PDB file of N, CA and C in Angstrom:
ATOM      1  N   MET A   1     -80.078 -50.114   5.300  1.00  0.00           N
ATOM      2  CA  MET A   1     -81.172 -49.302   5.325  1.00  0.00           C
ATOM      3  C   MET A   1     -81.952 -49.563   6.530  1.00  0.00           C
ATOM      4  N   SER A   2     -82.557 -48.496   6.937  1.00  0.00           N
ATOM      5  CA  SER A   2     -83.457 -48.931   8.029  1.00  0.00           C
ATOM      6  C   SER A   2     -84.605 -47.980   7.868  1.00  0.00           C
ATOM      7  N   LEU A   3     -86.128 -48.269   8.814  1.00  0.00           N
ATOM      8  CA  LEU A   3     -87.345 -47.330   8.690  1.00  0.00           C
ATOM      9  C   LEU A   3     -87.626 -47.778   9.907  1.00  0.00           C
ATOM     10  N   LEU A   4     -88.311 -46.576  10.202  1.00  0.00           N
ATOM     11  CA  LEU A   4     -88.762 -46.164  11.525  1.00  0.00           C
ATOM     12  C   LEU A   4     -89.902 -45.319  11.437  1.00  0.00           C
ATOM     13  N   ALA A   5     -91.352 -46.280  11.495  1.00  0.00           N
ATOM     14  CA  ALA A   5     -92.555 -45.700  11.369  1.00  0.00           C
ATOM     15  C   ALA A   5     -93.256 -44.918  12.883  1.00  0.00           C
ATOM     16  N   VAL A   6     -93.329 -43.225  12.872  1.00  0.00           N
ATOM     17  CA  VAL A   6     -93.286 -42.612  14.076  1.00  0.00           C
ATOM     18  C   VAL A   6     -95.264 -42.612  13.854  1.00  0.00           C
ATOM     19  N   THR A   7     -95.756 -43.180  15.049  1.00  0.00           N
ATOM     20  CA  THR A   7     -97.133 -43.048  15.206  1.00  0.00           C
ATOM     21  C   THR A   7     -97.716 -42.162  16.233  1.00  0.00           C
ATOM     22  N   SER A   8     -96.751 -41.556  16.638  1.00  0.00           N
ATOM     23  CA  SER A   8     -97.261 -40.291  17.488  1.00  0.00           C
ATOM     24  C   SER A   8     -95.899 -39.366  17.655  1.00  0.00           C
ATOM     25  N   ALA A   9     -95.749 -38.397  16.810  1.00  0.00           N
ATOM     26  CA  ALA A   9     -94.638 -37.656  16.666  1.00  0.00           C
ATOM     27  C   ALA A   9     -94.636 -36.622  18.387  1.00  0.00           C
ATOM     28  N   ASP A  10     -95.605 -36.280  18.491  1.00  0.00           N
ATOM     29  CA  ASP A  10     -95.993 -35.182  19.855  1.00  0.00           C
ATOM     30  C   ASP A  10     -95.113 -35.915  20.977  1.00  0.00           C
ATOM     31  N   ARG A  11     -96.079 -37.567  20.833  1.00  0.00           N
ATOM     32  CA  ARG A  11     -95.482 -38.362  22.176  1.00  0.00           C
ATOM     33  C   ARG A  11     -93.709 -38.339  22.296  1.00  0.00           C
ATOM     34  N   LEU A  12     -93.527 -38.563  20.962  1.00  0.00           N
ATOM     35  CA  LEU A  12     -91.867 -39.214  20.977  1.00  0.00           C
ATOM     36  C   LEU A  12     -90.925 -37.896  21.085  1.00  0.00           C
ATOM     37  N   HIS A  13     -91.405 -36.710  20.768  1.00  0.00           N
ATOM     38  CA  HIS A  13     -90.905 -35.264  20.979  1.00  0.00           C
ATOM     39  C   HIS A  13     -91.137 -35.154  22.595  1.00  0.00           C
ATOM     40  N   ALA A  14     -92.298 -35.216  23.049  1.00  0.00           N
ATOM     41  CA  ALA A  14     -92.455 -35.340  24.547  1.00  0.00           C
ATOM     42  C   ALA A  14     -91.410 -35.949  25.549  1.00  0.00           C
ATOM     43  N   GLY A  15     -91.498 -37.331  25.076  1.00  0.00           N
ATOM     44  CA  GLY A  15     -90.357 -38.282  25.655  1.00  0.00           C
ATOM     45  C   GLY A  15     -88.744 -37.766  25.744  1.00  0.00           C
ATOM     46  N   TRP A  16     -88.182 -37.230  24.508  1.00  0.00           N
ATOM     47  CA  TRP A  16     -87.058 -36.729  24.390  1.00  0.00           C
ATOM     48  C   TRP A  16     -86.661 -35.602  25.311  1.00  0.00           C
ATOM     49  N   THR A  17     -87.632 -34.337  25.412  1.00  0.00           N
ATOM     50  CA  THR A  17     -87.250 -33.110  26.320  1.00  0.00           C
ATOM     51  C   THR A  17     -87.642 -33.710  27.075  1.00  0.00           C
ATOM     52  N   ALA A  18     -88.614 -34.209  27.621  1.00  0.00           N
ATOM     53  CA  ALA A  18     -88.495 -34.664  29.202  1.00  0.00           C
ATOM     54  C   ALA A  18     -87.355 -35.404  29.876  1.00  0.00           C
ATOM     55  N   ALA A  19     -86.503 -36.170  28.726  1.00  0.00           N
ATOM     56  CA  ALA A  19     -85.109 -37.146  29.364  1.00  0.00           C
ATOM     57  C   ALA A  19     -84.082 -35.963  28.974  1.00  0.00           C
ATOM     58  N   ARG A  20     -84.319 -34.997  28.045  1.00  0.00           N
ATOM     59  CA  ARG A  20     -83.175 -34.103  28.175  1.00  0.00           C
ATOM     60  C   ARG A  20     -83.093 -32.846  29.592  1.00  0.00           C
ATOM     61  N   ARG A  21     -84.547 -32.829  29.817  1.00  0.00           N
ATOM     62  CA  ARG A  21     -84.758 -32.090  30.772  1.00  0.00           C
ATOM     63  C   ARG A  21     -84.548 -32.511  32.333  1.00  0.00           C
ATOM     64  N   LEU A  22     -84.547 -34.250  32.283  1.00  0.00           N
ATOM     65  CA  LEU A  22     -83.950 -34.688  33.692  1.00  0.00           C
ATOM     66  C   LEU A  22     -82.429 -34.563  33.822  1.00  0.00           C
ATOM     67  N   ARG A  23     -81.947 -34.996  32.716  1.00  0.00           N
ATOM     68  CA  ARG A  23     -80.444 -34.636  32.609  1.00  0.00           C
ATOM     69  C   ARG A  23     -80.103 -33.469  32.793  1.00  0.00           C
ATOM     70  N   ARG A  24     -80.653 -32.480  32.336  1.00  0.00           N
ATOM     71  CA  ARG A  24     -79.927 -31.232  32.712  1.00  0.00           C
ATOM     72  C   ARG A  24     -80.215 -30.634  34.219  1.00  0.00           C
ATOM     73  N   ASP A  25     -81.190 -30.962  34.773  1.00  0.00           N
ATOM     74  CA  ASP A  25     -81.630 -30.690  36.367  1.00  0.00           C
ATOM     75  C   ASP A  25     -80.684 -32.158  37.208  1.00  0.00           C
ATOM     76  N   ARG A  26     -80.239 -32.812  36.760  1.00  0.00           N
ATOM     77  CA  ARG A  26     -79.278 -33.758  37.044  1.00  0.00           C
ATOM     78  C   ARG A  26     -80.330 -35.098  38.019  1.00  0.00           C
ATOM     79  N   ARG A  27     -81.355 -35.210  37.573  1.00  0.00           N
ATOM     80  CA  ARG A  27     -82.016 -35.771  38.282  1.00  0.00           C
ATOM     81  C   ARG A  27     -82.151 -37.306  37.602  1.00  0.00           C
ATOM     82  N   GLY A  28     -81.863 -37.358  36.162  1.00  0.00           N
ATOM     83  CA  GLY A  28     -81.945 -38.604  35.716  1.00  0.00           C
ATOM     84  C   GLY A  28     -80.529 -38.648  34.563  1.00  0.00           C
ATOM     85  N   VAL A  29     -79.329 -38.465  35.250  1.00  0.00           N
ATOM     86  CA  VAL A  29     -78.119 -38.505  34.509  1.00  0.00           C
ATOM     87  C   VAL A  29     -78.232 -39.501  33.571  1.00  0.00           C
ATOM     88  N   ALA A  30     -78.643 -40.978  33.684  1.00  0.00           N
ATOM     89  CA  ALA A  30     -78.487 -41.953  32.461  1.00  0.00           C
ATOM     90  C   ALA A  30     -79.653 -42.499  31.872  1.00  0.00           C
ATOM     91  N   HIS A  31     -80.433 -41.255  32.219  1.00  0.00           N
ATOM     92  CA  HIS A  31     -82.021 -41.749  31.583  1.00  0.00           C
ATOM     93  C   HIS A  31     -81.963 -41.276  29.978  1.00  0.00           C
ATOM     94  N   LEU A  32     -82.366 -42.285  29.165  1.00  0.00           N
ATOM     95  CA  LEU A  32     -82.257 -41.895  27.998  1.00  0.00           C
ATOM     96  C   LEU A  32     -83.470 -42.093  27.404  1.00  0.00           C
ATOM     97  N   SER A  33     -84.386 -41.461  26.111  1.00  0.00           N
ATOM     98  CA  SER A  33     -85.473 -41.380  25.948  1.00  0.00           C
ATOM     99  C   SER A  33     -85.498 -42.221  24.716  1.00  0.00           C
ATOM    100  N   HIS A  34     -87.001 -42.867  24.764  1.00  0.00           N
ATOM    101  CA  HIS A  34     -87.061 -43.874  23.504  1.00  0.00           C
ATOM    102  C   HIS A  34     -86.457 -43.522  22.155  1.00  0.00           C
ATOM    103  N   ILE A  35     -86.470 -42.426  21.823  1.00  0.00           N
ATOM    104  CA  ILE A  35     -85.761 -42.067  20.523  1.00  0.00           C
ATOM    105  C   ILE A  35     -84.737 -42.159  20.423  1.00  0.00           C
ATOM    106  N   GLU A  36     -83.899 -41.507  21.495  1.00  0.00           N
ATOM    107  CA  GLU A  36     -82.343 -41.660  21.725  1.00  0.00           C
ATOM    108  C   GLU A  36     -81.987 -43.202  21.480  1.00  0.00           C
ATOM    109  N   ARG A  37     -82.701 -44.249  22.061  1.00  0.00           N
ATOM    110  CA  ARG A  37     -82.431 -45.221  22.194  1.00  0.00           C
ATOM    111  C   ARG A  37     -82.736 -45.823  20.580  1.00  0.00           C
ATOM    112  N   LEU A  38     -83.409 -45.800  19.903  1.00  0.00           N
ATOM    113  CA  LEU A  38     -83.679 -46.170  18.625  1.00  0.00           C
ATOM    114  C   LEU A  38     -82.983 -45.717  17.831  1.00  0.00           C
ATOM    115  N   LEU A  39     -82.170 -44.415  17.546  1.00  0.00           N
ATOM    116  CA  LEU A  39     -81.340 -43.731  16.614  1.00  0.00           C
ATOM    117  C   LEU A  39     -79.857 -44.010  17.532  1.00  0.00           C
ATOM    118  N   ALA A  40     -79.813 -44.459  18.383  1.00  0.00           N
ATOM    119  CA  ALA A  40     -78.279 -44.763  19.232  1.00  0.00           C
ATOM    120  C   ALA A  40     -77.191 -45.599  18.102  1.00  0.00           C
ATOM    121  N   PRO A  41     -77.954 -46.668  17.578  1.00  0.00           N
ATOM    122  CA  PRO A  41     -76.935 -47.551  16.681  1.00  0.00           C
ATOM    123  C   PRO A  41     -76.718 -46.841  15.130  1.00  0.00           C
ATOM    124  N   LEU A  42     -77.202 -45.616  14.741  1.00  0.00           N
ATOM    125  CA  LEU A  42     -77.182 -45.319  13.718  1.00  0.00           C
ATOM    126  C   LEU A  42     -75.694 -44.527  13.893  1.00  0.00           C
ATOM    127  N   PRO A  43     -74.898 -44.759  12.553  1.00  0.00           N
ATOM    128  CA  PRO A  43     -73.417 -44.020  12.600  1.00  0.00           C
ATOM    129  C   PRO A  43     -73.799 -42.377  12.429  1.00  0.00           C
ATOM    130  N   ARG A  44     -72.837 -41.961  12.986  1.00  0.00           N
ATOM    131  CA  ARG A  44     -72.629 -40.269  13.263  1.00  0.00           C
ATOM    132  C   ARG A  44     -72.783 -39.368  11.809  1.00  0.00           C
ATOM    133  N   ASP A  45     -72.275 -40.112  10.561  1.00  0.00           N
ATOM    134  CA  ASP A  45     -72.108 -39.644   9.411  1.00  0.00           C
ATOM    135  C   ASP A  45     -73.904 -40.242   8.574  1.00  0.00           C
ATOM    136  N   CYS A  46     -74.156 -40.854   9.226  1.00  0.00           N
ATOM    137  CA  CYS A  46     -75.855 -41.396   8.873  1.00  0.00           C
ATOM    138  C   CYS A  46     -76.783 -40.303   8.360  1.00  0.00           C
ATOM    139  N   GLY A  47     -77.071 -39.840   7.549  1.00  0.00           N
ATOM    140  CA  GLY A  47     -77.997 -39.132   7.167  1.00  0.00           C
ATOM    141  C   GLY A  47     -79.565 -39.505   7.551  1.00  0.00           C
ATOM    142  N   ILE A  48     -80.721 -38.948   7.587  1.00  0.00           N
ATOM    143  CA  ILE A  48     -81.871 -39.440   8.204  1.00  0.00           C
ATOM    144  C   ILE A  48     -83.001 -38.636   7.438  1.00  0.00           C
ATOM    145  N   VAL A  49     -83.823 -39.503   6.808  1.00  0.00           N
ATOM    146  CA  VAL A  49     -84.759 -38.679   5.962  1.00  0.00           C
ATOM    147  C   VAL A  49     -86.350 -39.153   6.298  1.00  0.00           C
ATOM    148  N   THR A  50     -86.844 -37.945   6.809  1.00  0.00           N
ATOM    149  CA  THR A  50     -88.381 -38.012   7.284  1.00  0.00           C
ATOM    150  C   THR A  50     -89.268 -37.622   6.051  1.00  0.00           C
ATOM    151  N   VAL A  51     -90.245 -38.235   6.261  1.00  0.00           N
ATOM    152  CA  VAL A  51     -91.522 -37.982   5.331  1.00  0.00           C
ATOM    153  C   VAL A  51     -92.696 -38.071   5.789  1.00  0.00           C
ATOM    154  N   ILE A  52     -93.455 -37.118   6.235  1.00  0.00           N
ATOM    155  CA  ILE A  52     -94.932 -36.849   6.777  1.00  0.00           C
ATOM    156  C   ILE A  52     -95.740 -36.104   5.536  1.00  0.00           C
ATOM    157  N   ASP A  53     -97.204 -36.635   5.811  1.00  0.00           N
ATOM    158  CA  ASP A  53     -98.235 -36.204   4.788  1.00  0.00           C
ATOM    159  C   ASP A  53     -98.702 -34.587   5.725  1.00  0.00           C
ATOM    160  N   GLY A  54     -97.483 -34.248   6.689  1.00  0.00           N
ATOM    161  CA  GLY A  54     -98.082 -32.954   7.267  1.00  0.00           C
ATOM    162  C   GLY A  54     -96.626 -31.884   7.291  1.00  0.00           C
ATOM    163  N   HIS A  55     -96.952 -31.085   8.025  1.00  0.00           N
ATOM    164  CA  HIS A  55     -95.374 -30.135   8.075  1.00  0.00           C
ATOM    165  C   HIS A  55     -94.334 -30.944   8.271  1.00  0.00           C
ATOM    166  N   PRO A  56     -93.290 -30.700   7.110  1.00  0.00           N
ATOM    167  CA  PRO A  56     -92.265 -31.208   7.528  1.00  0.00           C
ATOM    168  C   PRO A  56     -91.339 -30.882   9.034  1.00  0.00           C
ATOM    169  N   ALA A  57     -91.516 -29.539   9.760  1.00  0.00           N
ATOM    170  CA  ALA A  57     -91.154 -29.116  10.817  1.00  0.00           C
ATOM    171  C   ALA A  57     -91.591 -30.743  11.973  1.00  0.00           C
ATOM    172  N   THR A  58     -92.515 -31.357  11.733  1.00  0.00           N
ATOM    173  CA  THR A  58     -93.180 -32.074  12.655  1.00  0.00           C
ATOM    174  C   THR A  58     -92.202 -33.211  13.186  1.00  0.00           C
ATOM    175  N   LEU A  59     -91.187 -33.502  12.134  1.00  0.00           N
ATOM    176  CA  LEU A  59     -90.641 -34.477  12.370  1.00  0.00           C
ATOM    177  C   LEU A  59     -88.998 -34.225  12.255  1.00  0.00           C
ATOM    178  N   GLY A  60     -88.974 -32.950  11.629  1.00  0.00           N
ATOM    179  CA  GLY A  60     -87.567 -32.309  11.821  1.00  0.00           C
ATOM    180  C   GLY A  60     -86.685 -32.000  12.806  1.00  0.00           C
ATOM    181  N   TRP A  61     -87.192 -32.330  14.182  1.00  0.00           N
ATOM    182  CA  TRP A  61     -86.287 -32.360  15.342  1.00  0.00           C
ATOM    183  C   TRP A  61     -85.165 -33.616  15.456  1.00  0.00           C
ATOM    184  N   LEU A  62     -85.658 -34.686  14.906  1.00  0.00           N
ATOM    185  CA  LEU A  62     -85.199 -35.989  14.985  1.00  0.00           C
ATOM    186  C   LEU A  62     -83.706 -35.912  14.740  1.00  0.00           C
ATOM    187  N   GLY A  63     -83.171 -35.188  13.814  1.00  0.00           N
ATOM    188  CA  GLY A  63     -81.718 -35.139  13.420  1.00  0.00           C
ATOM    189  C   GLY A  63     -80.818 -34.175  14.705  1.00  0.00           C
ATOM    190  N   SER A  64     -81.795 -33.406  15.582  1.00  0.00           N
ATOM    191  CA  SER A  64     -81.118 -33.307  16.700  1.00  0.00           C
ATOM    192  C   SER A  64     -80.678 -34.175  17.856  1.00  0.00           C
ATOM    193  N   VAL A  65     -81.709 -35.080  17.735  1.00  0.00           N
ATOM    194  CA  VAL A  65     -81.362 -36.174  18.386  1.00  0.00           C
ATOM    195  C   VAL A  65     -79.664 -36.616  19.114  1.00  0.00           C
ATOM    196  N   HIS A  66     -79.283 -36.778  17.870  1.00  0.00           N
ATOM    197  CA  HIS A  66     -77.672 -37.337  18.282  1.00  0.00           C
ATOM    198  C   HIS A  66     -77.029 -36.454  17.085  1.00  0.00           C
ATOM    199  N   GLY A  67     -77.373 -35.510  16.391  1.00  0.00           N
ATOM    200  CA  GLY A  67     -76.555 -34.325  15.508  1.00  0.00           C
ATOM    201  C   GLY A  67     -76.492 -34.887  13.732  1.00  0.00           C
ATOM    202  N   HIS A  68     -77.632 -35.593  13.638  1.00  0.00           N
ATOM    203  CA  HIS A  68     -77.243 -36.282  11.921  1.00  0.00           C
ATOM    204  C   HIS A  68     -78.004 -35.518  11.334  1.00  0.00           C
ATOM    205  N   ARG A  69     -77.228 -35.288  10.377  1.00  0.00           N
ATOM    206  CA  ARG A  69     -77.916 -34.777   8.936  1.00  0.00           C
ATOM    207  C   ARG A  69     -79.231 -35.124   8.657  1.00  0.00           C
ATOM    208  N   LEU A  70     -80.403 -34.390   8.667  1.00  0.00           N
ATOM    209  CA  LEU A  70     -81.705 -34.690   8.229  1.00  0.00           C
ATOM    210  C   LEU A  70     -82.230 -33.810   7.274  1.00  0.00           C
ATOM    211  N   GLU A  71     -83.221 -34.606   6.387  1.00  0.00           N
ATOM    212  CA  GLU A  71     -83.503 -33.801   5.018  1.00  0.00           C
ATOM    213  C   GLU A  71     -85.129 -34.294   5.401  1.00  0.00           C
ATOM    214  N   ALA A  72     -85.959 -32.844   6.044  1.00  0.00           N
ATOM    215  CA  ALA A  72     -87.586 -33.389   6.427  1.00  0.00           C
ATOM    216  C   ALA A  72     -88.268 -32.688   5.037  1.00  0.00           C
ATOM    217  N   LEU A  73     -89.113 -34.025   4.598  1.00  0.00           N
ATOM    218  CA  LEU A  73     -89.896 -33.808   3.691  1.00  0.00           C
ATOM    219  C   LEU A  73     -91.404 -33.763   4.119  1.00  0.00           C
ATOM    220  N   GLY A  74     -92.549 -33.263   3.484  1.00  0.00           N
ATOM    221  CA  GLY A  74     -93.542 -32.836   4.062  1.00  0.00           C
ATOM    222  C   GLY A  74     -94.259 -31.845   3.071  1.00  0.00           C
ATOM    223  N   VAL A  75     -95.578 -31.338   3.780  1.00  0.00           N
ATOM    224  CA  VAL A  75     -96.757 -30.736   3.084  1.00  0.00           C
ATOM    225  C   VAL A  75     -96.291 -29.381   3.547  1.00  0.00           C
ATOM    226  N   GLU A  76     -95.710 -28.525   2.953  1.00  0.00           N
ATOM    227  CA  GLU A  76     -95.775 -27.031   3.630  1.00  0.00           C
ATOM    228  C   GLU A  76     -97.159 -26.288   3.020  1.00  0.00           C
ATOM    229  N   HIS A  77     -97.917 -26.328   2.246  1.00  0.00           N
ATOM    230  CA  HIS A  77     -99.108 -25.357   1.507  1.00  0.00           C
ATOM    231  C   HIS A  77    -100.160 -26.537   1.804  1.00  0.00           C
ATOM    232  N   PHE A  78    -101.562 -26.197   1.913  1.00  0.00           N
ATOM    233  CA  PHE A  78    -102.707 -27.317   1.914  1.00  0.00           C
ATOM    234  C   PHE A  78    -103.732 -26.387   1.124  1.00  0.00           C
ATOM    235  N   GLY A  79    -104.857 -27.223   0.308  1.00  0.00           N
ATOM    236  CA  GLY A  79    -105.595 -27.143  -0.397  1.00  0.00           C
ATOM    237  C   GLY A  79    -105.421 -27.226  -1.749  1.00  0.00           C
ATOM    238  N   GLN A  80    -104.706 -28.355  -2.435  1.00  0.00           N
ATOM    239  CA  GLN A  80    -104.473 -28.888  -3.265  1.00  0.00           C
ATOM    240  C   GLN A  80    -105.468 -29.657  -3.139  1.00  0.00           C
ATOM    241  N   THR A  81    -106.016 -30.059  -4.644  1.00  0.00           N
ATOM    242  CA  THR A  81    -106.651 -31.599  -4.869  1.00  0.00           C
ATOM    243  C   THR A  81    -106.221 -32.162  -6.028  1.00  0.00           C
ATOM    244  N   GLY A  82    -106.219 -33.467  -6.004  1.00  0.00           N
ATOM    245  CA  GLY A  82    -105.719 -34.481  -7.013  1.00  0.00           C
ATOM    246  C   GLY A  82    -105.592 -35.639  -6.429  1.00  0.00           C
ATOM    247  N   SER A  83    -105.490 -36.806  -7.085  1.00  0.00           N
ATOM    248  CA  SER A  83    -105.122 -38.021  -6.337  1.00  0.00           C
ATOM    249  C   SER A  83    -103.970 -38.006  -5.417  1.00  0.00           C
ATOM    250  N   VAL A  84    -103.937 -39.325  -4.857  1.00  0.00           N
ATOM    251  CA  VAL A  84    -102.559 -38.829  -3.913  1.00  0.00           C
ATOM    252  C   VAL A  84    -101.653 -39.126  -4.438  1.00  0.00           C
ATOM    253  N   GLY A  85    -101.377 -39.766  -5.584  1.00  0.00           N
ATOM    254  CA  GLY A  85     -99.791 -39.682  -6.353  1.00  0.00           C
ATOM    255  C   GLY A  85     -99.410 -38.425  -6.736  1.00  0.00           C
ATOM    256  N   GLU A  86    -100.428 -37.768  -7.566  1.00  0.00           N
ATOM    257  CA  GLU A  86    -100.549 -36.428  -7.777  1.00  0.00           C
ATOM    258  C   GLU A  86    -100.289 -35.351  -7.113  1.00  0.00           C
ATOM    259  N   LEU A  87    -100.725 -35.816  -5.825  1.00  0.00           N
ATOM    260  CA  LEU A  87    -100.425 -34.695  -4.542  1.00  0.00           C
ATOM    261  C   LEU A  87     -98.975 -34.859  -3.710  1.00  0.00           C
ATOM    262  N   TYR A  88     -98.628 -36.377  -3.836  1.00  0.00           N
ATOM    263  CA  TYR A  88     -97.605 -36.451  -3.025  1.00  0.00           C
ATOM    264  C   TYR A  88     -96.281 -36.374  -3.786  1.00  0.00           C
ATOM    265  N   ARG A  89     -96.704 -36.159  -5.315  1.00  0.00           N
ATOM    266  CA  ARG A  89     -95.626 -35.523  -6.198  1.00  0.00           C
ATOM    267  C   ARG A  89     -95.140 -33.991  -6.330  1.00  0.00           C
ATOM    268  N   HIS A  90     -96.904 -33.554  -5.971  1.00  0.00           N
ATOM    269  CA  HIS A  90     -96.492 -31.913  -6.098  1.00  0.00           C
ATOM    270  C   HIS A  90     -95.916 -31.616  -4.838  1.00  0.00           C
ATOM    271  N   HIS A  91     -95.919 -32.386  -3.646  1.00  0.00           N
ATOM    272  CA  HIS A  91     -95.240 -31.869  -2.394  1.00  0.00           C
ATOM    273  C   HIS A  91     -93.826 -32.445  -2.117  1.00  0.00           C
ATOM    274  N   GLY A  92     -93.514 -33.224  -3.146  1.00  0.00           N
ATOM    275  CA  GLY A  92     -92.289 -33.560  -3.018  1.00  0.00           C
ATOM    276  C   GLY A  92     -91.884 -34.633  -1.960  1.00  0.00           C
ATOM    277  N   ILE A  93     -93.198 -35.540  -1.610  1.00  0.00           N
ATOM    278  CA  ILE A  93     -93.265 -36.893  -0.886  1.00  0.00           C
ATOM    279  C   ILE A  93     -93.574 -37.804  -1.593  1.00  0.00           C
ATOM    280  N   ASP A  94     -93.208 -37.875  -2.953  1.00  0.00           N
ATOM    281  CA  ASP A  94     -93.281 -39.271  -3.598  1.00  0.00           C
ATOM    282  C   ASP A  94     -91.845 -40.255  -3.650  1.00  0.00           C
ATOM    283  N   ALA A  95     -92.073 -41.181  -4.206  1.00  0.00           N
ATOM    284  CA  ALA A  95     -90.746 -42.364  -3.747  1.00  0.00           C
ATOM    285  C   ALA A  95     -89.602 -41.678  -4.596  1.00  0.00           C
ATOM    286  N   ASN A  96     -89.609 -40.551  -5.566  1.00  0.00           N
ATOM    287  CA  ASN A  96     -88.825 -40.076  -6.365  1.00  0.00           C
ATOM    288  C   ASN A  96     -87.958 -39.070  -5.672  1.00  0.00           C
ATOM    289  N   ALA A  97     -88.914 -38.471  -4.566  1.00  0.00           N
ATOM    290  CA  ALA A  97     -88.297 -37.111  -3.719  1.00  0.00           C
ATOM    291  C   ALA A  97     -87.433 -37.929  -2.734  1.00  0.00           C
ATOM    292  N   ILE A  98     -88.063 -39.451  -2.193  1.00  0.00           N
ATOM    293  CA  ILE A  98     -87.396 -39.815  -1.051  1.00  0.00           C
ATOM    294  C   ILE A  98     -86.187 -40.182  -1.381  1.00  0.00           C
ATOM    295  N   ILE A  99     -85.657 -40.503  -2.702  1.00  0.00           N
ATOM    296  CA  ILE A  99     -84.573 -41.122  -3.102  1.00  0.00           C
ATOM    297  C   ILE A  99     -83.869 -40.118  -3.142  1.00  0.00           C
ATOM    298  N   ASP A 100     -84.306 -39.321  -4.110  1.00  0.00           N
ATOM    299  CA  ASP A 100     -83.425 -37.587  -3.839  1.00  0.00           C
ATOM    300  C   ASP A 100     -82.703 -37.295  -2.812  1.00  0.00           C
ATOM    301  N   ALA A 101     -83.450 -36.986  -1.939  1.00  0.00           N
ATOM    302  CA  ALA A 101     -83.259 -36.905  -0.670  1.00  0.00           C
ATOM    303  C   ALA A 101     -82.426 -37.169   0.497  1.00  0.00           C
ATOM    304  N   ALA A 102     -82.583 -38.973   0.008  1.00  0.00           N
ATOM    305  CA  ALA A 102     -81.732 -39.659   0.727  1.00  0.00           C
ATOM    306  C   ALA A 102     -80.206 -39.883   0.089  1.00  0.00           C
ATOM    307  N   LYS A 103     -79.856 -38.892  -0.837  1.00  0.00           N
ATOM    308  CA  LYS A 103     -78.353 -39.219  -1.588  1.00  0.00           C
ATOM    309  C   LYS A 103     -77.714 -37.944  -1.111  1.00  0.00           C
ATOM    310  N   PRO A 104     -76.555 -38.368  -0.560  1.00  0.00           N
ATOM    311  CA  PRO A 104     -75.735 -37.904   0.398  1.00  0.00           C
ATOM    312  C   PRO A 104     -75.143 -36.476  -0.577  1.00  0.00           C
TER     313      PRO A 104
END
């Protein structure tokens, strides 16, 4: 099991798309982005679970980096009130939801 804490999804994605663009234009054939290097050791059949207290699509692209199965958890509707635990449970980003998402 591994954990990756993403502090800037937009910068991570920008680096990935820039590296892909360079390879497509044949200006950086061997250039790998930071996320490609981080995810390279994962076996092809490994699943990835992303969890964010924002929209799940923010990190949903990570499965496309190397073709991994991905379960993106996050908040799709905003405006609810409650404790952090209640809200995480409501939105399916609490510990139980993460465990369920990690099951094959």
